[in-house]
Amino acid sequence: MIDLVKIIGIGFLTLVCTIILKEYRKDFALYVILIGALLILYMSFNILQNIIGFLNDLSSKAEIDNNFITLLLKITGISILSEFAVSICKDLRRIINSK
């Protein structure tokens, strides 16, 4: 729960810094967004490791083949990373177009 609050705090801090920097230096706002996004992604890995461990334990108790769980996790990971990349591109496009 504390990690989730940290992630939300980083997102909010990134938003505030971007709004402030956008008025003075639009090129630095781009860098703040990228750094904030990378920090959020890095901090999310700890939460994802806990979820993956839970799913592995659950699949072993339910006697489900780990190949199915691995495939589902890969599909989910690819979709999450794709959505993350699309969101970053949309944010960058808005900053570049507002120059």
Protein backbone atom coordinates (compact mmCIF):
# COMPACT_ATOMS: atom_id res chain seq x y z
CA MET A 1 0.00 0.00 0.00
CA ILE A 2 2.86 2.40 0.78
CA ASP A 3 4.43 1.72 -2.62
CA LEU A 4 1.17 2.62 -4.30
CA VAL A 5 1.05 5.93 -2.41
CA LYS A 6 4.64 6.64 -3.50
CA ILE A 7 3.74 5.96 -7.13
CA ILE A 8 0.73 8.28 -6.91
CA GLY A 9 2.93 10.92 -5.26
CA ILE A 10 5.51 10.70 -8.05
CA GLY A 11 2.74 11.03 -10.63
CA PHE A 12 1.30 14.07 -8.89
CA LEU A 13 4.74 15.67 -8.45
CA THR A 14 5.51 15.05 -12.12
CA LEU A 15 2.23 16.69 -13.08
CA VAL A 16 2.87 19.78 -10.97
CA CYS A 17 6.46 20.14 -12.19
CA THR A 18 5.33 19.75 -15.79
CA ILE A 19 2.65 22.42 -15.44
CA ILE A 20 5.11 24.85 -13.86
CA LEU A 21 7.94 24.15 -16.33
CA LYS A 22 5.58 24.29 -19.30
CA GLU A 23 5.13 28.02 -18.75
CA TYR A 24 8.85 28.78 -18.71
CA ARG A 25 10.76 25.98 -20.50
CA LYS A 26 8.64 23.61 -22.55
CA ASP A 27 11.63 21.48 -23.51
CA PHE A 28 12.36 20.68 -19.85
CA ALA A 29 8.73 19.67 -19.30
CA LEU A 30 9.32 16.86 -21.76
CA TYR A 31 12.25 15.55 -19.73
CA VAL A 32 10.29 15.75 -16.48
CA ILE A 33 7.52 13.62 -17.99
CA LEU A 34 9.98 11.02 -19.22
CA ILE A 35 11.80 10.83 -15.87
CA GLY A 36 8.52 10.62 -13.96
CA ALA A 37 7.24 7.86 -16.23
CA LEU A 38 10.44 5.86 -15.86
CA LEU A 39 10.35 6.23 -12.06
CA ILE A 40 6.76 5.03 -11.94
CA LEU A 41 7.59 2.09 -14.18
CA TYR A 42 10.61 1.18 -12.01
CA MET A 43 8.60 1.34 -8.79
CA SER A 44 5.83 -0.75 -10.32
CA PHE A 45 8.19 -3.68 -10.82
CA ASN A 46 8.25 -4.39 -7.07
CA ILE A 47 4.46 -4.60 -6.98
CA LEU A 48 4.45 -6.78 -10.10
CA GLN A 49 6.94 -9.19 -8.54
CA ASN A 50 4.60 -9.68 -5.59
CA ILE A 51 1.66 -10.32 -7.91
CA ILE A 52 3.65 -12.81 -10.01
CA GLY A 53 4.75 -14.66 -6.87
CA PHE A 54 1.15 -14.85 -5.68
CA LEU A 55 -0.02 -16.17 -9.06
CA ASN A 56 2.73 -18.81 -9.09
CA ASP A 57 1.75 -19.98 -5.62
CA LEU A 58 -1.91 -20.04 -6.59
CA SER A 59 -1.24 -21.98 -9.79
CA SER A 60 0.85 -24.57 -7.96
CA LYS A 61 -1.90 -25.08 -5.37
CA ALA A 62 -4.55 -25.37 -8.09
CA GLU A 63 -2.26 -27.68 -10.09
CA ILE A 64 -2.36 -25.48 -13.20
CA ASP A 65 0.52 -25.78 -15.64
CA ASN A 66 2.95 -22.88 -15.23
CA ASN A 67 3.19 -22.49 -19.00
CA PHE A 68 -0.36 -21.14 -19.10
CA ILE A 69 0.33 -18.67 -16.31
CA THR A 70 3.58 -17.58 -17.98
CA LEU A 71 1.76 -17.00 -21.28
CA LEU A 72 -0.97 -14.97 -19.58
CA LEU A 73 1.59 -12.85 -17.73
CA LYS A 74 3.52 -12.17 -20.95
CA ILE A 75 0.36 -11.11 -22.77
CA THR A 76 -0.65 -8.88 -19.88
CA GLY A 77 2.83 -7.37 -19.63
CA ILE A 78 2.99 -6.58 -23.33
CA SER A 79 -0.42 -4.90 -23.24
CA ILE A 80 0.48 -2.83 -20.16
CA LEU A 81 3.80 -1.70 -21.65
CA SER A 82 2.10 -0.86 -24.95
CA GLU A 83 -0.53 1.25 -23.20
CA PHE A 84 2.20 2.94 -21.16
CA ALA A 85 4.15 3.80 -24.33
CA VAL A 86 1.01 5.13 -26.04
CA SER A 87 0.25 7.36 -23.06
CA ILE A 88 3.78 8.78 -23.07
CA CYS A 89 3.57 9.45 -26.82
CA LYS A 90 0.24 11.25 -26.41
CA ASP A 91 1.66 13.40 -23.62
CA LEU A 92 4.74 14.25 -25.66
CA ARG A 93 2.61 15.15 -28.67
CA ARG A 94 0.55 17.54 -26.55
CA ILE A 95 3.70 19.24 -25.25
CA ILE A 96 5.28 19.52 -28.68
CA ASN A 97 2.08 20.86 -30.27
CA SER A 98 1.63 23.46 -27.57
CA LYS A 99 4.95 25.15 -28.40
